[in-house]
């Protein structure tokens, strides 16, 4: 019988991991072998050569039967004919326990390294946000003269004087080519239209990930974006804005006028999704807090 790739990998694990001294098989090993393509006869030969460790209770018998074990194989395991000899049982158990302990220690070490990496990434992101907060230029200076708005399907300049009045800005990183972005945008439009009627200090700036200005313009027109966008030709040089973007879109990051992050699609490296930011905004505005209190919310 031709074995699957999983079966070949399993064979390598159970047959050669202990070169010269292959370990006895457990119910889990036997079940995996059967599910990956081994016949009951092949498994029985392997068990006869390497022995079986553990007890075959009703649950184990049911598991093996579901995996395709033959009655003969199950009967042989139940009879104790494949059991590790009593004279070797203690040594075998000790060896298996030691190897299990080593695997657990290796796994724990791997988890610690991953935690350290995630913490470092989060710290770098926090440092970037802190640097933005310390900037004296502010968001208005970063977009000055570079904003456009779609009016009746035609892009026109957005007045800098209007933007300078904004105290809470949502940086919306998105692209027309992304199905997730196209799905989220109508919801963002609805939230924006609801918010700005009572909170004119709020604004959104669309920062396109599209491949051309024409595609960006189509996106703004078709989805009826009521907010301004960074001019397409200015995006590549807008490092002061694009540094807020995460590794995936759609991404919505809400900052104050000085660039301090208030709400973010990402929590460290964890992608919360832009819908979470809309929920944050709803709760924020429901609290009736003014722009002067932004720094106290995060």
Foldseek 3Di string as FASTA:
>chain_A
DDWDPQLVVLCCVQPPPPPPQGAADELVSLLSNLQRPDALVRSQVVLQVHAYDDACDPVSLVSSVVSPHDPVSSVCRNVCVSHDPPVCVVVSVVVVVVVVVVVVVVVVVVVVVVVVVLVVLLVVLVVLLVVLLPDPCFPLNLQPPFKWAADPLDIDHDDSVLLVLAFKEKEWEDEPPDPVRVVCLLVVQVLVVVPCVPPVNYAYEYQYPYPDQVRVSVVCVVSVRGGIYGRNVCNVVSCSRCSLDAPDDRWIFMATRSRRTQDTCDDRNRRVDCVVVSVVVVVVVVVVDDSVCSVVRD
